[in-house]
PDB file of N, CA and C in Angstrom:
ATOM      1  N   MET A   1      -2.021   7.861   5.262  1.00  0.00           N
ATOM      2  CA  MET A   1      -1.552   6.690   6.034  1.00  0.00           C
ATOM      3  C   MET A   1      -0.033   6.871   6.302  1.00  0.00           C
ATOM      4  N   ALA A   2       0.338   6.800   7.524  1.00  0.00           N
ATOM      5  CA  ALA A   2       1.740   6.997   7.943  1.00  0.00           C
ATOM      6  C   ALA A   2       2.479   5.656   7.940  1.00  0.00           C
ATOM      7  N   VAL A   3       3.748   5.710   8.105  1.00  0.00           N
ATOM      8  CA  VAL A   3       4.550   4.494   8.227  1.00  0.00           C
ATOM      9  C   VAL A   3       4.157   3.733   9.499  1.00  0.00           C
ATOM     10  N   SER A   4       3.905   2.455   9.338  1.00  0.00           N
ATOM     11  CA  SER A   4       3.391   1.698  10.475  1.00  0.00           C
ATOM     12  C   SER A   4       4.480   1.493  11.577  1.00  0.00           C
ATOM     13  N   LYS A   5       3.989   1.368  12.798  1.00  0.00           N
ATOM     14  CA  LYS A   5       4.886   1.160  13.927  1.00  0.00           C
ATOM     15  C   LYS A   5       5.691  -0.111  13.782  1.00  0.00           C
ATOM     16  N   ASP A   6       5.049  -1.159  13.244  1.00  0.00           N
ATOM     17  CA  ASP A   6       5.723  -2.443  13.061  1.00  0.00           C
ATOM     18  C   ASP A   6       6.884  -2.311  12.079  1.00  0.00           C
ATOM     19  N   LEU A   7       6.712  -1.524  11.009  1.00  0.00           N
ATOM     20  CA  LEU A   7       7.772  -1.329  10.039  1.00  0.00           C
ATOM     21  C   LEU A   7       8.887  -0.521  10.653  1.00  0.00           C
ATOM     22  N   LEU A   8       8.594   0.508  11.435  1.00  0.00           N
ATOM     23  CA  LEU A   8       9.620   1.319  12.107  1.00  0.00           C
ATOM     24  C   LEU A   8      10.494   0.449  13.008  1.00  0.00           C
ATOM     25  N   GLU A   9       9.910  -0.538  13.629  1.00  0.00           N
ATOM     26  CA  GLU A   9      10.671  -1.396  14.547  1.00  0.00           C
ATOM     27  C   GLU A   9      11.717  -2.236  13.842  1.00  0.00           C
ATOM     28  N   ILE A  10      11.524  -2.562  12.584  1.00  0.00           N
ATOM     29  CA  ILE A  10      12.407  -3.424  11.886  1.00  0.00           C
ATOM     30  C   ILE A  10      13.404  -2.694  10.943  1.00  0.00           C
ATOM     31  N   LEU A  11      13.095  -1.430  10.653  1.00  0.00           N
ATOM     32  CA  LEU A  11      13.981  -0.630   9.808  1.00  0.00           C
ATOM     33  C   LEU A  11      15.267  -0.291  10.519  1.00  0.00           C
ATOM     34  N   ALA A  12      16.335  -0.238   9.757  1.00  0.00           N
ATOM     35  CA  ALA A  12      17.642   0.153  10.306  1.00  0.00           C
ATOM     36  C   ALA A  12      18.372   1.001   9.263  1.00  0.00           C
ATOM     37  N   CYS A  13      19.300   1.787   9.756  1.00  0.00           N
ATOM     38  CA  CYS A  13      20.091   2.654   8.851  1.00  0.00           C
ATOM     39  C   CYS A  13      20.885   1.738   7.952  1.00  0.00           C
ATOM     40  N   PRO A  14      20.824   1.979   6.601  1.00  0.00           N
ATOM     41  CA  PRO A  14      21.581   1.117   5.684  1.00  0.00           C
ATOM     42  C   PRO A  14      23.078   1.358   5.754  1.00  0.00           C
ATOM     43  N   LYS A  15      23.493   2.441   6.332  1.00  0.00           N
ATOM     44  CA  LYS A  15      24.939   2.733   6.436  1.00  0.00           C
ATOM     45  C   LYS A  15      25.591   2.076   7.616  1.00  0.00           C
ATOM     46  N   CYS A  16      24.996   2.246   8.805  1.00  0.00           N
ATOM     47  CA  CYS A  16      25.646   1.724  10.045  1.00  0.00           C
ATOM     48  C   CYS A  16      24.808   0.602  10.701  1.00  0.00           C
ATOM     49  N   LYS A  17      23.668   0.307  10.194  1.00  0.00           N
ATOM     50  CA  LYS A  17      22.724  -0.682  10.738  1.00  0.00           C
ATOM     51  C   LYS A  17      22.160  -0.309  12.076  1.00  0.00           C
ATOM     52  N   GLY A  18      22.264   1.002  12.408  1.00  0.00           N
ATOM     53  CA  GLY A  18      21.721   1.503  13.671  1.00  0.00           C
ATOM     54  C   GLY A  18      20.258   1.837  13.628  1.00  0.00           C
ATOM     55  N   GLU A  19      19.734   2.272  14.738  1.00  0.00           N
ATOM     56  CA  GLU A  19      18.327   2.597  14.853  1.00  0.00           C
ATOM     57  C   GLU A  19      17.976   3.872  14.114  1.00  0.00           C
ATOM     58  N   VAL A  20      16.825   3.885  13.458  1.00  0.00           N
ATOM     59  CA  VAL A  20      16.283   5.094  12.828  1.00  0.00           C
ATOM     60  C   VAL A  20      15.033   5.495  13.579  1.00  0.00           C
ATOM     61  N   VAL A  21      14.804   6.835  13.677  1.00  0.00           N
ATOM     62  CA  VAL A  21      13.710   7.369  14.419  1.00  0.00           C
ATOM     63  C   VAL A  21      12.871   8.289  13.489  1.00  0.00           C
ATOM     64  N   LEU A  22      11.556   8.212  13.613  1.00  0.00           N
ATOM     65  CA  LEU A  22      10.692   9.071  12.800  1.00  0.00           C
ATOM     66  C   LEU A  22      10.872  10.505  13.219  1.00  0.00           C
ATOM     67  N   THR A  23      10.985  11.399  12.257  1.00  0.00           N
ATOM     68  CA  THR A  23      11.098  12.857  12.550  1.00  0.00           C
ATOM     69  C   THR A  23       9.775  13.359  13.128  1.00  0.00           C
ATOM     70  N   GLU A  24       9.839  14.493  13.827  1.00  0.00           N
ATOM     71  CA  GLU A  24       8.638  15.059  14.445  1.00  0.00           C
ATOM     72  C   GLU A  24       7.570  15.352  13.446  1.00  0.00           C
ATOM     73  N   SER A  25       7.993  15.799  12.270  1.00  0.00           N
ATOM     74  CA  SER A  25       7.031  16.112  11.195  1.00  0.00           C
ATOM     75  C   SER A  25       6.515  14.885  10.474  1.00  0.00           C
ATOM     76  N   GLY A  26       7.162  13.756  10.666  1.00  0.00           N
ATOM     77  CA  GLY A  26       6.739  12.484  10.048  1.00  0.00           C
ATOM     78  C   GLY A  26       7.117  12.351   8.605  1.00  0.00           C
ATOM     79  N   ASP A  27       8.039  13.208   8.107  1.00  0.00           N
ATOM     80  CA  ASP A  27       8.383  13.181   6.699  1.00  0.00           C
ATOM     81  C   ASP A  27       9.739  12.507   6.454  1.00  0.00           C
ATOM     82  N   GLY A  28      10.310  11.912   7.490  1.00  0.00           N
ATOM     83  CA  GLY A  28      11.622  11.301   7.313  1.00  0.00           C
ATOM     84  C   GLY A  28      11.999  10.463   8.524  1.00  0.00           C
ATOM     85  N   LEU A  29      13.081   9.718   8.341  1.00  0.00           N
ATOM     86  CA  LEU A  29      13.684   8.923   9.398  1.00  0.00           C
ATOM     87  C   LEU A  29      15.083   9.363   9.623  1.00  0.00           C
ATOM     88  N   THR A  30      15.502   9.522  10.878  1.00  0.00           N
ATOM     89  CA  THR A  30      16.849   9.960  11.143  1.00  0.00           C
ATOM     90  C   THR A  30      17.664   8.918  11.840  1.00  0.00           C
ATOM     91  N   CYS A  31      18.947   8.950  11.558  1.00  0.00           N
ATOM     92  CA  CYS A  31      19.937   8.074  12.233  1.00  0.00           C
ATOM     93  C   CYS A  31      20.874   9.035  12.948  1.00  0.00           C
ATOM     94  N   ALA A  32      20.847   8.976  14.279  1.00  0.00           N
ATOM     95  CA  ALA A  32      21.688   9.851  15.082  1.00  0.00           C
ATOM     96  C   ALA A  32      23.184   9.521  14.930  1.00  0.00           C
ATOM     97  N   ALA A  33      23.477   8.258  14.778  1.00  0.00           N
ATOM     98  CA  ALA A  33      24.895   7.814  14.682  1.00  0.00           C
ATOM     99  C   ALA A  33      25.551   8.325  13.412  1.00  0.00           C
ATOM    100  N   CYS A  34      24.841   8.330  12.316  1.00  0.00           N
ATOM    101  CA  CYS A  34      25.402   8.800  11.041  1.00  0.00           C
ATOM    102  C   CYS A  34      25.042  10.250  10.708  1.00  0.00           C
ATOM    103  N   ALA A  35      24.160  10.850  11.485  1.00  0.00           N
ATOM    104  CA  ALA A  35      23.642  12.196  11.256  1.00  0.00           C
ATOM    105  C   ALA A  35      23.060  12.282   9.861  1.00  0.00           C
ATOM    106  N   LEU A  36      22.199  11.324   9.491  1.00  0.00           N
ATOM    107  CA  LEU A  36      21.531  11.309   8.187  1.00  0.00           C
ATOM    108  C   LEU A  36      20.012  11.267   8.382  1.00  0.00           C
ATOM    109  N   ARG A  37      19.351  11.829   7.413  1.00  0.00           N
ATOM    110  CA  ARG A  37      17.879  11.835   7.372  1.00  0.00           C
ATOM    111  C   ARG A  37      17.422  11.179   6.075  1.00  0.00           C
ATOM    112  N   TYR A  38      16.657  10.101   6.203  1.00  0.00           N
ATOM    113  CA  TYR A  38      16.128   9.370   5.050  1.00  0.00           C
ATOM    114  C   TYR A  38      14.685   9.863   4.811  1.00  0.00           C
ATOM    115  N   PRO A  39      14.355  10.252   3.577  1.00  0.00           N
ATOM    116  CA  PRO A  39      13.023  10.799   3.304  1.00  0.00           C
ATOM    117  C   PRO A  39      11.954   9.736   3.282  1.00  0.00           C
ATOM    118  N   ILE A  40      10.729  10.157   3.519  1.00  0.00           N
ATOM    119  CA  ILE A  40       9.553   9.282   3.367  1.00  0.00           C
ATOM    120  C   ILE A  40       8.725   9.895   2.234  1.00  0.00           C
ATOM    121  N   ARG A  41       8.506   9.146   1.162  1.00  0.00           N
ATOM    122  CA  ARG A  41       7.751   9.636   0.004  1.00  0.00           C
ATOM    123  C   ARG A  41       6.574   8.726  -0.219  1.00  0.00           C
ATOM    124  N   ASP A  42       5.371   9.301  -0.261  1.00  0.00           N
ATOM    125  CA  ASP A  42       4.141   8.540  -0.460  1.00  0.00           C
ATOM    126  C   ASP A  42       4.035   7.402   0.556  1.00  0.00           C
ATOM    127  N   ASP A  43       4.376   7.714   1.799  1.00  0.00           N
ATOM    128  CA  ASP A  43       4.317   6.817   2.953  1.00  0.00           C
ATOM    129  C   ASP A  43       5.284   5.607   2.839  1.00  0.00           C
ATOM    130  N   ILE A  44       6.298   5.798   2.010  1.00  0.00           N
ATOM    131  CA  ILE A  44       7.302   4.736   1.850  1.00  0.00           C
ATOM    132  C   ILE A  44       8.688   5.308   2.190  1.00  0.00           C
ATOM    133  N   PRO A  45       9.331   4.714   3.182  1.00  0.00           N
ATOM    134  CA  PRO A  45      10.713   5.169   3.543  1.00  0.00           C
ATOM    135  C   PRO A  45      11.680   4.898   2.419  1.00  0.00           C
ATOM    136  N   VAL A  46      12.450   5.868   2.014  1.00  0.00           N
ATOM    137  CA  VAL A  46      13.480   5.696   0.966  1.00  0.00           C
ATOM    138  C   VAL A  46      14.821   5.482   1.705  1.00  0.00           C
ATOM    139  N   MET A  47      15.175   4.209   1.915  1.00  0.00           N
ATOM    140  CA  MET A  47      16.298   3.857   2.702  1.00  0.00           C
ATOM    141  C   MET A  47      17.553   3.635   1.777  1.00  0.00           C
ATOM    142  N   LEU A  48      17.855   4.625   0.986  1.00  0.00           N
ATOM    143  CA  LEU A  48      19.036   4.565   0.135  1.00  0.00           C
ATOM    144  C   LEU A  48      20.028   5.620   0.645  1.00  0.00           C
ATOM    145  N   ILE A  49      21.273   5.228   0.812  1.00  0.00           N
ATOM    146  CA  ILE A  49      22.292   6.164   1.291  1.00  0.00           C
ATOM    147  C   ILE A  49      22.438   7.360   0.370  1.00  0.00           C
ATOM    148  N   ASP A  50      22.308   7.121  -0.933  1.00  0.00           N
ATOM    149  CA  ASP A  50      22.440   8.198  -1.904  1.00  0.00           C
ATOM    150  C   ASP A  50      21.326   9.216  -1.779  1.00  0.00           C
ATOM    151  N   GLU A  51      20.126   8.832  -1.238  1.00  0.00           N
ATOM    152  CA  GLU A  51      19.009   9.696  -1.113  1.00  0.00           C
ATOM    153  C   GLU A  51      18.950  10.421   0.242  1.00  0.00           C
ATOM    154  N   ALA A  52      19.794  10.033   1.162  1.00  0.00           N
ATOM    155  CA  ALA A  52      19.839  10.611   2.540  1.00  0.00           C
ATOM    156  C   ALA A  52      20.358  12.002   2.517  1.00  0.00           C
ATOM    157  N   GLU A  53      19.878  12.779   3.464  1.00  0.00           N
ATOM    158  CA  GLU A  53      20.354  14.166   3.644  1.00  0.00           C
ATOM    159  C   GLU A  53      21.165  14.267   4.905  1.00  0.00           C
ATOM    160  N   SER A  54      22.258  15.022   4.871  1.00  0.00           N
ATOM    161  CA  SER A  54      23.100  15.164   6.050  1.00  0.00           C
ATOM    162  C   SER A  54      22.421  16.126   7.051  1.00  0.00           C
ATOM    163  N   LEU A  55      22.500  15.756   8.342  1.00  0.00           N
ATOM    164  CA  LEU A  55      21.911  16.636   9.386  1.00  0.00           C
ATOM    165  C   LEU A  55      22.914  17.595   9.917  1.00  0.00           C
ATOM    166  N   GLY A  56      24.146  17.495   9.549  1.00  0.00           N
ATOM    167  CA  GLY A  56      25.138  18.349  10.151  1.00  0.00           C
ATOM    168  C   GLY A  56      26.016  18.998   9.216  1.00  0.00           C
TER     169      GLY A  56
END
């Protein structure tokens, strides 16, 4: 079971409060403004800044 579309619509980047987008592989959420990737573990987005990976 993947992250629901309804959940994706209300999630925001915890750092800048901007939009997050599901990665092509479906294993994370990315924030273009912050260049961060938040992991998805067991179909649950981990929206913690300390857990985010830098994209750049």
